[in-house]
Amino acid sequence: MTRLDDQTLTETGLAPEGRGRVLLIGCGALAREVLDLTAANGWDHLDLHCLPAILHNHPEKIPAAVEAAVTARRGDYAEVFVLYADCGTGGLLQATCARLGVGMLEGPHCYSFFEGNAVFAGRDEMTAFYLTDFLVRQFDAFVTRPLGLDRHPQLRDMYFGNYTKLVYQAQTDDPDLTEKARACAAFLKLDFERRFTGYGDLEVALKHL
């Protein structure tokens, strides 16, 4: 993924071969996947600006953070696209993007668009707890410590007592991540299921850009 200098962007707004440059404003939890996709496909007209992944734990802050990033950087690009689904904002992010005139990912959350929104919508998994590659890597930072399970393991039943299984949606075929996900399931006392989803509708959306 490359970026033209600011003067060239301001004057032309165009990438090589005449393509308009696109700014992706995304959740930091998607950074590795987006970089892998752009590198594999040669999408050098796409630039990525990531917001802190910890917003995953504070969805009420996502719309304002996205709006600030769009406002600050859209002048240098032909198009801006937001790499968030609703992600717990209760429709507020969609309303913000509509007001700003920018597109965003479809679906309720990353677990849905990684599996494919149509496939995910057909499942009845109210008692499933989901992890992606990113959340497996960052399980302690995003689950164990924020919920206090490292200090108060008895809280596990309060948080996860109504879940029956942990579903690991694997973007990559990594045996080490699979074993770590299996250990996360054991830590939470949940059954374990691995699904290789690849990049799902994230890849579809980027192809359209």
C-alpha atoms as a PDB file:
ATOM      1  CA  MET A   1       0.000   0.000   0.000  1.00  0.00           C
ATOM      2  CA  THR A   2       1.546   3.290  -1.071  1.00  0.00           C
ATOM      3  CA  ARG A   3       0.676   6.939  -0.732  1.00  0.00           C
ATOM      4  CA  LEU A   4       1.351   9.782  -3.137  1.00  0.00           C
ATOM      5  CA  ASP A   5       2.867  12.926  -1.741  1.00  0.00           C
ATOM      6  CA  ASP A   6       0.354  15.560  -0.593  1.00  0.00           C
ATOM      7  CA  GLN A   7       1.075  17.954  -3.470  1.00  0.00           C
ATOM      8  CA  THR A   8       0.389  15.310  -6.095  1.00  0.00           C
ATOM      9  CA  LEU A   9      -2.764  14.211  -4.327  1.00  0.00           C
ATOM     10  CA  THR A  10      -4.035  17.756  -4.075  1.00  0.00           C
ATOM     11  CA  GLU A  11      -3.369  18.451  -7.742  1.00  0.00           C
ATOM     12  CA  THR A  12      -4.714  15.246  -9.258  1.00  0.00           C
ATOM     13  CA  GLY A  13      -6.391  13.009  -6.693  1.00  0.00           C
ATOM     14  CA  LEU A  14      -5.340  10.142  -8.960  1.00  0.00           C
ATOM     15  CA  ALA A  15      -3.285   7.014  -8.509  1.00  0.00           C
ATOM     16  CA  PRO A  16      -1.198   5.384 -11.253  1.00  0.00           C
ATOM     17  CA  GLU A  17      -3.218   4.199 -14.259  1.00  0.00           C
ATOM     18  CA  GLY A  18      -5.692   7.004 -13.575  1.00  0.00           C
ATOM     19  CA  ARG A  19      -7.457   5.363 -10.670  1.00  0.00           C
ATOM     20  CA  GLY A  20      -8.817   7.592  -7.905  1.00  0.00           C
ATOM     21  CA  ARG A  21      -7.114   7.104  -4.566  1.00  0.00           C
ATOM     22  CA  VAL A  22      -9.319   5.779  -1.785  1.00  0.00           C
ATOM     23  CA  LEU A  23      -8.838   6.319   1.933  1.00  0.00           C
ATOM     24  CA  LEU A  24      -9.931   3.440   4.135  1.00  0.00           C
ATOM     25  CA  ILE A  25     -10.783   4.465   7.685  1.00  0.00           C
ATOM     26  CA  GLY A  26     -10.854   1.243   9.615  1.00  0.00           C
ATOM     27  CA  CYS A  27     -10.880  -0.455  12.957  1.00  0.00           C
ATOM     28  CA  GLY A  28      -7.367  -1.296  14.091  1.00  0.00           C
ATOM     29  CA  ALA A  29      -8.536  -4.876  14.569  1.00  0.00           C
ATOM     30  CA  LEU A  30      -8.723  -5.182  10.762  1.00  0.00           C
ATOM     31  CA  ALA A  31      -5.300  -3.728   9.968  1.00  0.00           C
ATOM     32  CA  ARG A  32      -3.446  -6.969   9.309  1.00  0.00           C
ATOM     33  CA  GLU A  33      -6.245  -8.379   7.177  1.00  0.00           C
ATOM     34  CA  VAL A  34      -6.571  -5.213   5.091  1.00  0.00           C
ATOM     35  CA  LEU A  35      -2.818  -4.982   4.529  1.00  0.00           C
ATOM     36  CA  ASP A  36      -2.686  -8.666   3.525  1.00  0.00           C
ATOM     37  CA  LEU A  37      -5.526  -8.211   1.037  1.00  0.00           C
ATOM     38  CA  THR A  38      -4.137  -5.054  -0.529  1.00  0.00           C
ATOM     39  CA  ALA A  39      -0.672  -6.581  -0.884  1.00  0.00           C
ATOM     40  CA  ALA A  40      -1.956  -9.835  -2.361  1.00  0.00           C
ATOM     41  CA  ASN A  41      -4.156  -8.068  -4.905  1.00  0.00           C
ATOM     42  CA  GLY A  42      -1.931  -5.119  -5.782  1.00  0.00           C
ATOM     43  CA  TRP A  43      -4.524  -2.583  -4.638  1.00  0.00           C
ATOM     44  CA  ASP A  44      -1.987   0.219  -4.345  1.00  0.00           C
ATOM     45  CA  HIS A  45      -4.644   2.921  -4.764  1.00  0.00           C
ATOM     46  CA  LEU A  46      -5.975   2.139  -1.260  1.00  0.00           C
ATOM     47  CA  ASP A  47      -4.540   3.876   1.804  1.00  0.00           C
ATOM     48  CA  LEU A  48      -5.388   2.712   5.314  1.00  0.00           C
ATOM     49  CA  HIS A  49      -5.922   4.941   8.336  1.00  0.00           C
ATOM     50  CA  CYS A  50      -6.670   2.890  11.471  1.00  0.00           C
ATOM     51  CA  LEU A  51      -8.512   4.003  14.561  1.00  0.00           C
ATOM     52  CA  PRO A  52      -7.611   2.394  17.901  1.00  0.00           C
ATOM     53  CA  ALA A  53      -8.797  -1.184  18.098  1.00  0.00           C
ATOM     54  CA  ILE A  54      -9.801  -0.652  21.734  1.00  0.00           C
ATOM     55  CA  LEU A  55     -12.856   1.224  20.429  1.00  0.00           C
ATOM     56  CA  HIS A  56     -14.149  -2.323  19.988  1.00  0.00           C
ATOM     57  CA  ASN A  57     -14.840  -2.126  23.735  1.00  0.00           C
ATOM     58  CA  HIS A  58     -16.378   1.376  23.536  1.00  0.00           C
ATOM     59  CA  PRO A  59     -18.686   1.416  20.481  1.00  0.00           C
ATOM     60  CA  GLU A  60     -20.386   4.608  21.594  1.00  0.00           C
ATOM     61  CA  LYS A  61     -17.153   6.433  20.715  1.00  0.00           C
ATOM     62  CA  ILE A  62     -16.839   5.049  17.186  1.00  0.00           C
ATOM     63  CA  PRO A  63     -19.099   7.499  15.261  1.00  0.00           C
ATOM     64  CA  ALA A  64     -17.320  10.602  16.562  1.00  0.00           C
ATOM     65  CA  ALA A  65     -13.887   9.075  15.954  1.00  0.00           C
ATOM     66  CA  VAL A  66     -14.824   8.145  12.387  1.00  0.00           C
ATOM     67  CA  GLU A  67     -16.259  11.595  11.706  1.00  0.00           C
ATOM     68  CA  ALA A  68     -13.097  13.290  12.976  1.00  0.00           C
ATOM     69  CA  ALA A  69     -10.902  11.113  10.740  1.00  0.00           C
ATOM     70  CA  VAL A  70     -13.084  11.653   7.664  1.00  0.00           C
ATOM     71  CA  THR A  71     -13.169  15.405   8.208  1.00  0.00           C
ATOM     72  CA  ALA A  72      -9.414  15.649   8.713  1.00  0.00           C
ATOM     73  CA  ARG A  73      -8.322  13.557   5.711  1.00  0.00           C
ATOM     74  CA  ARG A  74     -10.996  13.429   3.023  1.00  0.00           C
ATOM     75  CA  GLY A  75      -9.624  16.446   1.135  1.00  0.00           C
ATOM     76  CA  ASP A  76      -6.679  14.419  -0.185  1.00  0.00           C
ATOM     77  CA  TYR A  77      -8.729  11.577  -1.637  1.00  0.00           C
ATOM     78  CA  ALA A  78     -11.183  10.866  -4.404  1.00  0.00           C
ATOM     79  CA  GLU A  79     -13.212   8.632  -2.069  1.00  0.00           C
ATOM     80  CA  VAL A  80     -13.394   7.631   1.583  1.00  0.00           C
ATOM     81  CA  PHE A  81     -14.719   4.260   2.742  1.00  0.00           C
ATOM     82  CA  VAL A  82     -15.273   3.242   6.367  1.00  0.00           C
ATOM     83  CA  LEU A  83     -14.147  -0.239   7.404  1.00  0.00           C
ATOM     84  CA  TYR A  84     -16.590  -0.668  10.244  1.00  0.00           C
ATOM     85  CA  ALA A  85     -19.918  -2.441  10.301  1.00  0.00           C
ATOM     86  CA  ASP A  86     -22.464  -1.202  12.852  1.00  0.00           C
ATOM     87  CA  CYS A  87     -20.223  -2.657  15.593  1.00  0.00           C
ATOM     88  CA  GLY A  88     -22.581  -1.937  18.471  1.00  0.00           C
ATOM     89  CA  THR A  89     -23.310   1.705  17.624  1.00  0.00           C
ATOM     90  CA  GLY A  90     -27.052   1.102  17.311  1.00  0.00           C
ATOM     91  CA  GLY A  91     -27.261   2.651  13.864  1.00  0.00           C
ATOM     92  CA  LEU A  92     -25.394   5.829  14.841  1.00  0.00           C
ATOM     93  CA  LEU A  93     -22.363   5.034  12.683  1.00  0.00           C
ATOM     94  CA  GLN A  94     -24.555   4.432   9.651  1.00  0.00           C
ATOM     95  CA  ALA A  95     -26.290   7.759  10.243  1.00  0.00           C
ATOM     96  CA  THR A  96     -22.921   9.501  10.589  1.00  0.00           C
ATOM     97  CA  CYS A  97     -21.574   7.978   7.370  1.00  0.00           C
ATOM     98  CA  ALA A  98     -24.771   8.873   5.498  1.00  0.00           C
ATOM     99  CA  ARG A  99     -24.507  12.471   6.670  1.00  0.00           C
ATOM    100  CA  LEU A 100     -20.846  12.593   5.612  1.00  0.00           C
ATOM    101  CA  GLY A 101     -21.587  10.951   2.279  1.00  0.00           C
ATOM    102  CA  VAL A 102     -19.182   8.022   2.735  1.00  0.00           C
ATOM    103  CA  GLY A 103     -19.736   4.283   2.385  1.00  0.00           C
ATOM    104  CA  MET A 104     -19.203   1.677   5.081  1.00  0.00           C
ATOM    105  CA  LEU A 105     -19.185  -2.093   5.494  1.00  0.00           C
ATOM    106  CA  GLU A 106     -22.511  -3.859   5.626  1.00  0.00           C
ATOM    107  CA  GLY A 107     -23.530  -6.011   8.561  1.00  0.00           C
ATOM    108  CA  PRO A 108     -23.946  -5.819  12.321  1.00  0.00           C
ATOM    109  CA  HIS A 109     -20.312  -6.576  13.250  1.00  0.00           C
ATOM    110  CA  CYS A 110     -17.062  -8.152  12.071  1.00  0.00           C
ATOM    111  CA  TYR A 111     -18.155 -11.660  13.067  1.00  0.00           C
ATOM    112  CA  SER A 112     -20.942 -11.335  10.525  1.00  0.00           C
ATOM    113  CA  PHE A 113     -19.004  -9.916   7.587  1.00  0.00           C
ATOM    114  CA  PHE A 114     -16.052 -12.270   8.081  1.00  0.00           C
ATOM    115  CA  GLU A 115     -18.362 -15.266   7.825  1.00  0.00           C
ATOM    116  CA  GLY A 116     -20.419 -13.557   5.125  1.00  0.00           C
ATOM    117  CA  ASN A 117     -23.450 -11.531   6.155  1.00  0.00           C
ATOM    118  CA  ALA A 118     -25.924 -13.790   4.362  1.00  0.00           C
ATOM    119  CA  VAL A 119     -24.481 -16.947   5.938  1.00  0.00           C
ATOM    120  CA  PHE A 120     -24.243 -15.415   9.400  1.00  0.00           C
ATOM    121  CA  ALA A 121     -27.824 -14.141   9.270  1.00  0.00           C
ATOM    122  CA  GLY A 122     -29.009 -17.696   8.683  1.00  0.00           C
ATOM    123  CA  ARG A 123     -27.423 -19.041  11.853  1.00  0.00           C
ATOM    124  CA  ASP A 124     -29.162 -19.295  15.200  1.00  0.00           C
ATOM    125  CA  GLU A 125     -26.259 -18.906  17.592  1.00  0.00           C
ATOM    126  CA  MET A 126     -27.419 -16.791  20.470  1.00  0.00           C
ATOM    127  CA  THR A 127     -25.175 -18.745  22.842  1.00  0.00           C
ATOM    128  CA  ALA A 128     -21.958 -18.518  20.782  1.00  0.00           C
ATOM    129  CA  PHE A 129     -19.014 -16.306  21.735  1.00  0.00           C
ATOM    130  CA  TYR A 130     -16.899 -15.341  18.712  1.00  0.00           C
ATOM    131  CA  LEU A 131     -13.217 -14.691  18.236  1.00  0.00           C
ATOM    132  CA  THR A 132     -11.356 -13.591  15.103  1.00  0.00           C
ATOM    133  CA  ASP A 133      -7.621 -13.885  14.419  1.00  0.00           C
ATOM    134  CA  PHE A 134      -7.100 -10.472  15.994  1.00  0.00           C
ATOM    135  CA  LEU A 135      -9.096 -11.280  19.120  1.00  0.00           C
ATOM    136  CA  VAL A 136      -7.316 -14.582  19.589  1.00  0.00           C
ATOM    137  CA  ARG A 137      -3.985 -12.738  19.496  1.00  0.00           C
ATOM    138  CA  GLN A 138      -5.288 -10.021  21.816  1.00  0.00           C
ATOM    139  CA  PHE A 139      -7.502 -12.161  24.053  1.00  0.00           C
ATOM    140  CA  ASP A 140      -5.875 -11.035  27.283  1.00  0.00           C
ATOM    141  CA  ALA A 141      -5.959  -7.351  26.310  1.00  0.00           C
ATOM    142  CA  PHE A 142      -9.557  -7.361  25.076  1.00  0.00           C
ATOM    143  CA  VAL A 143     -11.252 -10.028  27.198  1.00  0.00           C
ATOM    144  CA  THR A 144      -9.323 -11.302  30.222  1.00  0.00           C
ATOM    145  CA  ARG A 145      -8.042  -8.037  31.693  1.00  0.00           C
ATOM    146  CA  PRO A 146     -10.942  -5.674  30.816  1.00  0.00           C
ATOM    147  CA  LEU A 147     -13.426  -8.110  32.364  1.00  0.00           C
ATOM    148  CA  GLY A 148     -11.220  -8.646  35.400  1.00  0.00           C
ATOM    149  CA  LEU A 149     -10.995 -12.398  34.854  1.00  0.00           C
ATOM    150  CA  ASP A 150      -7.283 -12.393  35.619  1.00  0.00           C
ATOM    151  CA  ARG A 151      -8.018 -11.009  39.097  1.00  0.00           C
ATOM    152  CA  HIS A 152     -11.468 -12.451  39.748  1.00  0.00           C
ATOM    153  CA  PRO A 153     -11.897 -15.742  37.835  1.00  0.00           C
ATOM    154  CA  GLN A 154     -15.225 -16.311  39.575  1.00  0.00           C
ATOM    155  CA  LEU A 155     -16.679 -13.625  37.299  1.00  0.00           C
ATOM    156  CA  ARG A 156     -16.469 -16.084  34.409  1.00  0.00           C
ATOM    157  CA  ASP A 157     -19.874 -17.545  35.224  1.00  0.00           C
ATOM    158  CA  MET A 158     -21.468 -14.106  35.422  1.00  0.00           C
ATOM    159  CA  TYR A 159     -20.137 -13.043  32.021  1.00  0.00           C
ATOM    160  CA  PHE A 160     -20.172 -16.344  30.144  1.00  0.00           C
ATOM    161  CA  GLY A 161     -22.611 -18.567  32.001  1.00  0.00           C
ATOM    162  CA  ASN A 162     -25.211 -18.294  29.228  1.00  0.00           C
ATOM    163  CA  TYR A 163     -22.767 -19.142  26.441  1.00  0.00           C
ATOM    164  CA  THR A 164     -22.301 -22.745  25.309  1.00  0.00           C
ATOM    165  CA  LYS A 165     -19.452 -22.545  22.794  1.00  0.00           C
ATOM    166  CA  LEU A 166     -16.607 -20.415  21.510  1.00  0.00           C
ATOM    167  CA  VAL A 167     -16.497 -20.070  17.715  1.00  0.00           C
ATOM    168  CA  TYR A 168     -13.108 -19.173  16.287  1.00  0.00           C
ATOM    169  CA  GLN A 169     -13.565 -17.532  12.882  1.00  0.00           C
ATOM    170  CA  ALA A 170     -10.162 -18.046  11.314  1.00  0.00           C
ATOM    171  CA  GLN A 171      -9.022 -15.601   8.669  1.00  0.00           C
ATOM    172  CA  THR A 172      -5.770 -17.518   8.195  1.00  0.00           C
ATOM    173  CA  ASP A 173      -4.806 -21.159   8.491  1.00  0.00           C
ATOM    174  CA  ASP A 174      -2.470 -20.829  11.477  1.00  0.00           C
ATOM    175  CA  PRO A 175      -2.135 -23.883  13.770  1.00  0.00           C
ATOM    176  CA  ASP A 176      -0.678 -21.771  16.590  1.00  0.00           C
ATOM    177  CA  LEU A 177      -3.679 -19.429  16.560  1.00  0.00           C
ATOM    178  CA  THR A 178      -6.015 -22.412  16.508  1.00  0.00           C
ATOM    179  CA  GLU A 179      -4.379 -23.844  19.610  1.00  0.00           C
ATOM    180  CA  LYS A 180      -4.518 -20.492  21.344  1.00  0.00           C
ATOM    181  CA  ALA A 181      -8.222 -20.182  20.469  1.00  0.00           C
ATOM    182  CA  ARG A 182      -8.801 -23.665  21.849  1.00  0.00           C
ATOM    183  CA  ALA A 183      -7.084 -22.582  25.082  1.00  0.00           C
ATOM    184  CA  CYS A 184      -9.340 -19.513  25.236  1.00  0.00           C
ATOM    185  CA  ALA A 185     -12.376 -21.790  25.009  1.00  0.00           C
ATOM    186  CA  ALA A 186     -11.023 -23.970  27.793  1.00  0.00           C
ATOM    187  CA  PHE A 187     -10.333 -20.904  29.948  1.00  0.00           C
ATOM    188  CA  LEU A 188     -13.955 -19.799  29.500  1.00  0.00           C
ATOM    189  CA  LYS A 189     -15.215 -23.400  29.965  1.00  0.00           C
ATOM    190  CA  LEU A 190     -16.923 -23.372  26.562  1.00  0.00           C
ATOM    191  CA  ASP A 191     -17.079 -25.906  23.761  1.00  0.00           C
ATOM    192  CA  PHE A 192     -14.751 -25.081  20.876  1.00  0.00           C
ATOM    193  CA  GLU A 193     -15.501 -24.756  17.167  1.00  0.00           C
ATOM    194  CA  ARG A 194     -13.186 -23.481  14.444  1.00  0.00           C
ATOM    195  CA  ARG A 195     -14.505 -22.109  11.154  1.00  0.00           C
ATOM    196  CA  PHE A 196     -12.197 -21.028   8.390  1.00  0.00           C
ATOM    197  CA  THR A 197     -13.923 -17.933   7.042  1.00  0.00           C
ATOM    198  CA  GLY A 198     -11.077 -16.228   5.211  1.00  0.00           C
ATOM    199  CA  TYR A 199     -11.828 -12.535   4.727  1.00  0.00           C
ATOM    200  CA  GLY A 200     -15.499 -12.916   3.847  1.00  0.00           C
ATOM    201  CA  ASP A 201     -17.377  -9.788   2.862  1.00  0.00           C
ATOM    202  CA  LEU A 202     -14.410  -7.603   3.819  1.00  0.00           C
ATOM    203  CA  GLU A 203     -12.641  -8.825   0.698  1.00  0.00           C
ATOM    204  CA  VAL A 204     -15.783  -8.349  -1.366  1.00  0.00           C
ATOM    205  CA  ALA A 205     -16.109  -4.724  -0.224  1.00  0.00           C
ATOM    206  CA  LEU A 206     -12.465  -3.931  -0.991  1.00  0.00           C
ATOM    207  CA  LYS A 207     -12.769  -5.459  -4.459  1.00  0.00           C
ATOM    208  CA  HIS A 208     -15.593  -3.037  -5.202  1.00  0.00           C
ATOM    209  CA  LEU A 209     -13.262  -0.134  -4.426  1.00  0.00           C
END
